[in-house]
Protein backbone atom coordinates (compact mmCIF):
# COMPACT_ATOMS: atom_id res chain seq x y z
CA UNK A 1 -13.06 -18.32 0.38
CA UNK A 2 -15.07 -15.99 -1.88
CA UNK A 3 -18.09 -16.36 0.44
CA UNK A 4 -16.17 -14.33 3.00
CA UNK A 5 -16.45 -11.29 0.71
CA UNK A 6 -19.47 -12.05 -1.47
CA UNK A 7 -22.88 -13.35 -0.41
CA UNK A 8 -23.18 -15.92 -3.21
CA UNK A 9 -19.49 -16.70 -3.52
CA UNK A 10 -17.94 -16.37 -6.96
CA UNK A 11 -21.40 -16.56 -8.56
CA UNK A 12 -22.53 -13.33 -6.86
CA UNK A 13 -24.12 -11.05 -9.49
CA UNK A 14 -22.68 -7.97 -7.73
CA UNK A 15 -19.11 -8.97 -8.63
CA UNK A 16 -17.50 -6.89 -11.35
CA UNK A 17 -14.11 -7.27 -12.95
CA UNK A 18 -11.87 -4.35 -13.83
CA UNK A 19 -8.53 -4.39 -15.59
CA UNK A 20 -5.79 -1.95 -14.61
CA UNK A 21 -2.75 -1.41 -16.80
CA UNK A 22 0.09 0.57 -15.21
CA UNK A 23 2.54 2.63 -17.21
CA UNK A 24 4.73 3.83 -14.39
CA UNK A 25 5.07 3.59 -10.62
CA UNK A 26 6.74 5.31 -7.69
CA UNK A 27 8.39 3.30 -4.93
CA UNK A 28 9.95 3.98 -1.58
CA UNK A 29 11.61 1.83 1.02
CA UNK A 30 13.19 2.50 4.37
CA UNK A 31 16.60 1.51 5.61
CA UNK A 32 15.19 0.77 9.06
CA UNK A 33 13.04 -2.18 10.09
CA UNK A 34 9.26 -2.27 9.75
CA UNK A 35 8.59 -1.49 13.42
CA UNK A 36 10.54 1.78 13.14
CA UNK A 37 8.60 2.62 9.96
CA UNK A 38 5.31 1.95 11.76
CA UNK A 39 6.31 4.19 14.67
CA UNK A 40 7.27 7.00 12.27
CA UNK A 41 3.98 6.57 10.43
CA UNK A 42 2.10 6.86 13.73
CA UNK A 43 4.12 9.97 14.65
CA UNK A 44 3.21 11.59 11.35
CA UNK A 45 -0.48 10.80 11.82
CA UNK A 46 -0.58 12.80 15.07
CA UNK A 47 1.32 15.78 13.65
CA UNK A 48 4.87 14.98 14.74
CA UNK A 49 7.37 15.21 11.91
CA UNK A 50 9.88 12.37 12.32
CA UNK A 51 13.50 12.86 11.33
CA UNK A 52 14.12 11.73 7.76
CA UNK A 53 17.01 9.29 7.94
CA UNK A 54 17.08 8.59 4.24
CA UNK A 55 15.69 5.74 2.32
CA UNK A 56 15.42 4.44 -1.19
CA UNK A 57 12.85 5.87 -3.56
CA UNK A 58 12.35 6.51 -7.24
CA UNK A 59 10.27 6.12 -10.37
CA UNK A 60 9.74 2.97 -12.41
CA UNK A 61 8.69 2.77 -16.02
CA UNK A 62 6.67 -0.38 -16.61
């Protein structure tokens, strides 16, 4: 599967490993289904401001 992304698979010398440690995060979720969310995202991308019908969002401390 690695050959899909890297010429020599997992032995490719161009591969580098980085470590990310999170301290906090921000999340959001919608109360509507994913198709409605996609439509609203598309509306926003063309400059139409969709009605905010509320959702769930907040901060997380990790």
